[in-house]
Structures are given as structure tokens and as C-alpha cells.
């Protein structure tokens, strides 16, 4: 398992954090450890960083530290 921290500058409100959380919750091999305004800490166990970034960006939130 690998833990990554992604910077998501436009994820500021509780609604935005919920959208990103729900996006990650539905992914296999991904466990959301912590979400705060502008940042998500994620544990990967089978999924790749690229797949997680792609899912978050598809939900409308650019990731700056890909």
C-alpha cells in the first residue's frame, strides 16, 4: 500500500470535499484517509495515482501535484 497526498486547490467548500470523497469512495483499491480544503490524503491498494488523479479531474477538480 502507498499513501499519497494530492493538492486540489479548487476543492474548498464542504460540498466540493463531498464530491471528491464520493468519487474516491466508489473506486476499487482506493481508501480516502483525510480530506481537507485543498488537499486529499489517499491510500492506494491496487489503484494507481494516475487513475485517482483522472477520476478527481473528471469530477471537475484539477490536481496540481500529479
PDB file of N, CA and C in Angstrom:
ATOM      1  N   UNK A   1       0.832  -1.188   0.000  1.00  0.00           N
ATOM      2  CA  UNK A   1       0.000   0.000   0.000  1.00  0.00           C
ATOM      3  C   UNK A   1       0.872   1.245   0.000  1.00  0.00           C
ATOM      4  N   UNK A   2       0.344   2.248  -0.623  1.00  0.00           N
ATOM      5  CA  UNK A   2       1.053   3.530  -0.725  1.00  0.00           C
ATOM      6  C   UNK A   2       0.086   4.641  -0.346  1.00  0.00           C
ATOM      7  N   UNK A   3       0.542   5.593   0.441  1.00  0.00           N
ATOM      8  CA  UNK A   3      -0.273   6.753   0.785  1.00  0.00           C
ATOM      9  C   UNK A   3       0.239   7.953   0.012  1.00  0.00           C
ATOM     10  N   UNK A   4      -0.695   8.641  -0.659  1.00  0.00           N
ATOM     11  CA  UNK A   4      -0.334   9.827  -1.435  1.00  0.00           C
ATOM     12  C   UNK A   4      -1.150  11.013  -0.928  1.00  0.00           C
ATOM     13  N   UNK A   5      -0.612  12.204  -1.128  1.00  0.00           N
ATOM     14  CA  UNK A   5      -1.329  13.434  -0.812  1.00  0.00           C
ATOM     15  C   UNK A   5      -1.433  14.240  -2.090  1.00  0.00           C
ATOM     16  N   UNK A   6      -2.668  14.551  -2.468  1.00  0.00           N
ATOM     17  CA  UNK A   6      -2.907  15.317  -3.687  1.00  0.00           C
ATOM     18  C   UNK A   6      -3.381  16.719  -3.331  1.00  0.00           C
ATOM     19  N   UNK A   7      -2.858  17.697  -4.052  1.00  0.00           N
ATOM     20  CA  UNK A   7      -3.268  19.084  -3.878  1.00  0.00           C
ATOM     21  C   UNK A   7      -4.364  19.385  -4.889  1.00  0.00           C
ATOM     22  N   UNK A   8      -5.515  19.820  -4.368  1.00  0.00           N
ATOM     23  CA  UNK A   8      -6.691  20.095  -5.196  1.00  0.00           C
ATOM     24  C   UNK A   8      -7.170  21.501  -4.828  1.00  0.00           C
ATOM     25  N   UNK A   9      -6.566  22.532  -5.418  1.00  0.00           N
ATOM     26  CA  UNK A   9      -6.800  23.912  -4.973  1.00  0.00           C
ATOM     27  C   UNK A   9      -8.252  24.382  -5.035  1.00  0.00           C
ATOM     28  N   UNK A  10      -9.045  23.879  -5.980  1.00  0.00           N
ATOM     29  CA  UNK A  10     -10.425  24.359  -6.105  1.00  0.00           C
ATOM     30  C   UNK A  10     -11.397  23.600  -5.206  1.00  0.00           C
ATOM     31  N   UNK A  11     -10.912  22.640  -4.449  1.00  0.00           N
ATOM     32  CA  UNK A  11     -11.758  21.887  -3.516  1.00  0.00           C
ATOM     33  C   UNK A  11     -11.713  22.614  -2.169  1.00  0.00           C
ATOM     34  N   UNK A  12     -12.608  23.595  -2.012  1.00  0.00           N
ATOM     35  CA  UNK A  12     -12.552  24.447  -0.821  1.00  0.00           C
ATOM     36  C   UNK A  12     -13.762  24.293   0.095  1.00  0.00           C
ATOM     37  N   UNK A  13     -14.924  24.102  -0.477  1.00  0.00           N
ATOM     38  CA  UNK A  13     -16.151  24.062   0.329  1.00  0.00           C
ATOM     39  C   UNK A  13     -16.481  22.634   0.776  1.00  0.00           C
ATOM     40  N   UNK A  14     -17.349  22.513   1.771  1.00  0.00           N
ATOM     41  CA  UNK A  14     -17.784  21.172   2.188  1.00  0.00           C
ATOM     42  C   UNK A  14     -18.407  20.380   1.032  1.00  0.00           C
ATOM     43  N   UNK A  15     -19.148  21.072   0.164  1.00  0.00           N
ATOM     44  CA  UNK A  15     -19.745  20.389  -0.993  1.00  0.00           C
ATOM     45  C   UNK A  15     -18.661  19.821  -1.906  1.00  0.00           C
ATOM     46  N   UNK A  16     -17.650  20.613  -2.193  1.00  0.00           N
ATOM     47  CA  UNK A  16     -16.555  20.155  -3.058  1.00  0.00           C
ATOM     48  C   UNK A  16     -15.843  18.955  -2.439  1.00  0.00           C
ATOM     49  N   UNK A  17     -15.594  19.014  -1.145  1.00  0.00           N
ATOM     50  CA  UNK A  17     -14.930  17.899  -0.471  1.00  0.00           C
ATOM     51  C   UNK A  17     -15.798  16.641  -0.509  1.00  0.00           C
ATOM     52  N   UNK A  18     -17.126  16.814  -0.423  1.00  0.00           N
ATOM     53  CA  UNK A  18     -18.031  15.675  -0.502  1.00  0.00           C
ATOM     54  C   UNK A  18     -18.007  15.048  -1.898  1.00  0.00           C
ATOM     55  N   UNK A  19     -17.983  15.881  -2.935  1.00  0.00           N
ATOM     56  CA  UNK A  19     -17.938  15.369  -4.306  1.00  0.00           C
ATOM     57  C   UNK A  19     -16.678  14.533  -4.518  1.00  0.00           C
ATOM     58  N   UNK A  20     -15.534  15.056  -4.101  1.00  0.00           N
ATOM     59  CA  UNK A  20     -14.273  14.323  -4.255  1.00  0.00           C
ATOM     60  C   UNK A  20     -14.294  13.052  -3.405  1.00  0.00           C
ATOM     61  N   UNK A  21     -14.783  13.144  -2.184  1.00  0.00           N
ATOM     62  CA  UNK A  21     -14.868  11.968  -1.308  1.00  0.00           C
ATOM     63  C   UNK A  21     -15.731  10.883  -1.932  1.00  0.00           C
ATOM     64  N   UNK A  22     -16.881  11.262  -2.464  1.00  0.00           N
ATOM     65  CA  UNK A  22     -17.775  10.289  -3.091  1.00  0.00           C
ATOM     66  C   UNK A  22     -17.165   9.687  -4.345  1.00  0.00           C
ATOM     67  N   UNK A  23     -16.428  10.482  -5.093  1.00  0.00           N
ATOM     68  CA  UNK A  23     -15.747   9.978  -6.287  1.00  0.00           C
ATOM     69  C   UNK A  23     -14.746   8.899  -5.903  1.00  0.00           C
ATOM     70  N   UNK A  24     -13.967   9.150  -4.869  1.00  0.00           N
ATOM     71  CA  UNK A  24     -12.937   8.199  -4.449  1.00  0.00           C
ATOM     72  C   UNK A  24     -13.533   6.983  -3.748  1.00  0.00           C
ATOM     73  N   UNK A  25     -14.630   7.181  -3.043  1.00  0.00           N
ATOM     74  CA  UNK A  25     -15.277   6.091  -2.310  1.00  0.00           C
ATOM     75  C   UNK A  25     -15.706   4.966  -3.252  1.00  0.00           C
ATOM     76  N   UNK A  26     -16.081   5.323  -4.466  1.00  0.00           N
ATOM     77  CA  UNK A  26     -16.570   4.346  -5.436  1.00  0.00           C
ATOM     78  C   UNK A  26     -15.458   3.620  -6.180  1.00  0.00           C
ATOM     79  N   UNK A  27     -14.213   3.986  -5.937  1.00  0.00           N
ATOM     80  CA  UNK A  27     -13.091   3.385  -6.663  1.00  0.00           C
ATOM     81  C   UNK A  27     -12.539   2.162  -5.930  1.00  0.00           C
ATOM     82  N   UNK A  28     -12.248   1.123  -6.693  1.00  0.00           N
ATOM     83  CA  UNK A  28     -11.621  -0.075  -6.142  1.00  0.00           C
ATOM     84  C   UNK A  28     -10.142   0.198  -5.896  1.00  0.00           C
ATOM     85  N   UNK A  29      -9.638  -0.235  -4.756  1.00  0.00           N
ATOM     86  CA  UNK A  29      -8.223  -0.079  -4.444  1.00  0.00           C
ATOM     87  C   UNK A  29      -7.846   1.292  -3.925  1.00  0.00           C
ATOM     88  N   UNK A  30      -8.861   2.074  -3.506  1.00  0.00           N
ATOM     89  CA  UNK A  30      -8.625   3.436  -3.017  1.00  0.00           C
ATOM     90  C   UNK A  30      -9.321   3.607  -1.670  1.00  0.00           C
ATOM     91  N   UNK A  31      -8.600   4.157  -0.712  1.00  0.00           N
ATOM     92  CA  UNK A  31      -9.176   4.463   0.594  1.00  0.00           C
ATOM     93  C   UNK A  31      -8.819   5.905   0.944  1.00  0.00           C
ATOM     94  N   UNK A  32      -9.837   6.722   1.135  1.00  0.00           N
ATOM     95  CA  UNK A  32      -9.620   8.124   1.485  1.00  0.00           C
ATOM     96  C   UNK A  32      -9.286   8.203   2.965  1.00  0.00           C
ATOM     97  N   UNK A  33      -8.101   8.684   3.281  1.00  0.00           N
ATOM     98  CA  UNK A  33      -7.656   8.785   4.663  1.00  0.00           C
ATOM     99  C   UNK A  33      -8.073  10.104   5.303  1.00  0.00           C
ATOM    100  N   UNK A  34      -7.918  11.202   4.556  1.00  0.00           N
ATOM    101  CA  UNK A  34      -8.206  12.526   5.115  1.00  0.00           C
ATOM    102  C   UNK A  34      -8.483  13.478   3.964  1.00  0.00           C
ATOM    103  N   UNK A  35      -9.493  14.303   4.137  1.00  0.00           N
ATOM    104  CA  UNK A  35      -9.770  15.339   3.147  1.00  0.00           C
ATOM    105  C   UNK A  35      -9.938  16.659   3.888  1.00  0.00           C
ATOM    106  N   UNK A  36      -9.196  17.653   3.433  1.00  0.00           N
ATOM    107  CA  UNK A  36      -9.257  18.997   3.995  1.00  0.00           C
ATOM    108  C   UNK A  36      -9.361  19.958   2.819  1.00  0.00           C
ATOM    109  N   UNK A  37      -9.764  21.203   3.059  1.00  0.00           N
ATOM    110  CA  UNK A  37      -9.841  22.135   1.937  1.00  0.00           C
ATOM    111  C   UNK A  37      -8.515  22.193   1.172  1.00  0.00           C
ATOM    112  N   UNK A  38      -8.574  21.838  -0.101  1.00  0.00           N
ATOM    113  CA  UNK A  38      -7.398  21.917  -0.962  1.00  0.00           C
ATOM    114  C   UNK A  38      -6.497  20.703  -0.971  1.00  0.00           C
ATOM    115  N   UNK A  39      -6.825  19.669  -0.190  1.00  0.00           N
ATOM    116  CA  UNK A  39      -5.908  18.533  -0.108  1.00  0.00           C
ATOM    117  C   UNK A  39      -6.644  17.238   0.241  1.00  0.00           C
ATOM    118  N   UNK A  40      -6.188  16.134  -0.357  1.00  0.00           N
ATOM    119  CA  UNK A  40      -6.736  14.815  -0.036  1.00  0.00           C
ATOM    120  C   UNK A  40      -5.591  13.839   0.188  1.00  0.00           C
ATOM    121  N   UNK A  41      -5.677  13.104   1.280  1.00  0.00           N
ATOM    122  CA  UNK A  41      -4.696  12.062   1.568  1.00  0.00           C
ATOM    123  C   UNK A  41      -5.382  10.727   1.284  1.00  0.00           C
ATOM    124  N   UNK A  42      -4.748   9.933   0.423  1.00  0.00           N
ATOM    125  CA  UNK A  42      -5.372   8.734  -0.119  1.00  0.00           C
ATOM    126  C   UNK A  42      -4.427   7.553   0.014  1.00  0.00           C
ATOM    127  N   UNK A  43      -4.986   6.404   0.391  1.00  0.00           N
ATOM    128  CA  UNK A  43      -4.199   5.173   0.442  1.00  0.00           C
ATOM    129  C   UNK A  43      -4.549   4.331  -0.786  1.00  0.00           C
ATOM    130  N   UNK A  44      -3.522   3.944  -1.519  1.00  0.00           N
ATOM    131  CA  UNK A  44      -3.709   3.131  -2.715  1.00  0.00           C
ATOM    132  C   UNK A  44      -3.386   1.680  -2.396  1.00  0.00           C
ATOM    133  N   UNK A  45      -4.268   0.786  -2.803  1.00  0.00           N
ATOM    134  CA  UNK A  45      -4.007  -0.645  -2.647  1.00  0.00           C
ATOM    135  C   UNK A  45      -4.519  -1.360  -3.893  1.00  0.00           C
ATOM    136  N   UNK A  46      -3.857  -1.087  -4.989  1.00  0.00           N
ATOM    137  CA  UNK A  46      -4.248  -1.685  -6.258  1.00  0.00           C
ATOM    138  C   UNK A  46      -4.516  -0.643  -7.332  1.00  0.00           C
ATOM    139  N   UNK A  47      -5.056   0.487  -6.956  1.00  0.00           N
ATOM    140  CA  UNK A  47      -5.278   1.570  -7.915  1.00  0.00           C
ATOM    141  C   UNK A  47      -3.973   2.347  -8.089  1.00  0.00           C
ATOM    142  N   UNK A  48      -3.879   3.077  -9.180  1.00  0.00           N
ATOM    143  CA  UNK A  48      -2.685   3.883  -9.426  1.00  0.00           C
ATOM    144  C   UNK A  48      -2.980   5.359  -9.173  1.00  0.00           C
ATOM    145  N   UNK A  49      -1.928   6.091  -8.931  1.00  0.00           N
ATOM    146  CA  UNK A  49      -2.036   7.543  -8.744  1.00  0.00           C
ATOM    147  C   UNK A  49      -2.709   8.181  -9.960  1.00  0.00           C
ATOM    148  N   UNK A  50      -2.309   7.751 -11.157  1.00  0.00           N
ATOM    149  CA  UNK A  50      -2.875   8.322 -12.383  1.00  0.00           C
ATOM    150  C   UNK A  50      -4.386   8.117 -12.468  1.00  0.00           C
ATOM    151  N   UNK A  51      -4.872   6.933 -12.080  1.00  0.00           N
ATOM    152  CA  UNK A  51      -6.314   6.668 -12.108  1.00  0.00           C
ATOM    153  C   UNK A  51      -7.061   7.559 -11.124  1.00  0.00           C
ATOM    154  N   UNK A  52      -6.477   7.773  -9.955  1.00  0.00           N
ATOM    155  CA  UNK A  52      -7.100   8.626  -8.940  1.00  0.00           C
ATOM    156  C   UNK A  52      -7.152  10.071  -9.432  1.00  0.00           C
ATOM    157  N   UNK A  53      -6.043  10.557  -9.964  1.00  0.00           N
ATOM    158  CA  UNK A  53      -5.994  11.929 -10.495  1.00  0.00           C
ATOM    159  C   UNK A  53      -7.019  12.088 -11.613  1.00  0.00           C
ATOM    160  N   UNK A  54      -7.089  11.116 -12.503  1.00  0.00           N
ATOM    161  CA  UNK A  54      -8.042  11.171 -13.614  1.00  0.00           C
ATOM    162  C   UNK A  54      -9.480  11.249 -13.096  1.00  0.00           C
ATOM    163  N   UNK A  55      -9.820  10.457 -12.096  1.00  0.00           N
ATOM    164  CA  UNK A  55     -11.175  10.460 -11.540  1.00  0.00           C
ATOM    165  C   UNK A  55     -11.513  11.803 -10.888  1.00  0.00           C
ATOM    166  N   UNK A  56     -10.565  12.353 -10.137  1.00  0.00           N
ATOM    167  CA  UNK A  56     -10.799  13.645  -9.478  1.00  0.00           C
ATOM    168  C   UNK A  56     -10.970  14.745 -10.522  1.00  0.00           C
ATOM    169  N   UNK A  57     -10.133  14.738 -11.534  1.00  0.00           N
ATOM    170  CA  UNK A  57     -10.233  15.767 -12.572  1.00  0.00           C
ATOM    171  C   UNK A  57     -11.505  15.599 -13.402  1.00  0.00           C
ATOM    172  N   UNK A  58     -11.934  14.368 -13.621  1.00  0.00           N
ATOM    173  CA  UNK A  58     -13.186  14.124 -14.341  1.00  0.00           C
ATOM    174  C   UNK A  58     -14.372  14.671 -13.544  1.00  0.00           C
ATOM    175  N   UNK A  59     -14.253  14.669 -12.214  1.00  0.00           N
ATOM    176  CA  UNK A  59     -15.299  15.226 -11.350  1.00  0.00           C
ATOM    177  C   UNK A  59     -15.275  16.755 -11.354  1.00  0.00           C
ATOM    178  N   UNK A  60     -14.255  17.348 -11.994  1.00  0.00           N
ATOM    179  CA  UNK A  60     -14.202  18.801 -12.133  1.00  0.00           C
ATOM    180  C   UNK A  60     -13.211  19.516 -11.240  1.00  0.00           C
ATOM    181  N   UNK A  61     -12.284  18.770 -10.635  1.00  0.00           N
ATOM    182  CA  UNK A  61     -11.332  19.372  -9.706  1.00  0.00           C
ATOM    183  C   UNK A  61      -9.898  19.102 -10.154  1.00  0.00           C
ATOM    184  N   UNK A  62      -9.209  20.118 -10.689  1.00  0.00           N
ATOM    185  CA  UNK A  62      -7.823  19.930 -11.135  1.00  0.00           C
ATOM    186  C   UNK A  62      -6.891  19.585  -9.967  1.00  0.00           C
ATOM    187  N   UNK A  63      -5.980  18.678 -10.241  1.00  0.00           N
ATOM    188  CA  UNK A  63      -4.955  18.283  -9.269  1.00  0.00           C
ATOM    189  C   UNK A  63      -3.652  18.921  -9.713  1.00  0.00           C
ATOM    190  N   UNK A  64      -2.977  19.645  -8.815  1.00  0.00           N
ATOM    191  CA  UNK A  64      -1.777  20.375  -9.231  1.00  0.00           C
ATOM    192  C   UNK A  64      -0.484  19.606  -9.026  1.00  0.00           C
ATOM    193  N   UNK A  65      -0.475  18.588  -8.186  1.00  0.00           N
ATOM    194  CA  UNK A  65       0.764  17.824  -7.975  1.00  0.00           C
ATOM    195  C   UNK A  65       0.583  16.392  -8.475  1.00  0.00           C
ATOM    196  N   UNK A  66       0.411  16.280  -9.766  1.00  0.00           N
ATOM    197  CA  UNK A  66       0.156  14.979 -10.382  1.00  0.00           C
ATOM    198  C   UNK A  66       1.378  14.132 -10.276  1.00  0.00           C
TER     199      UNK A  66
END
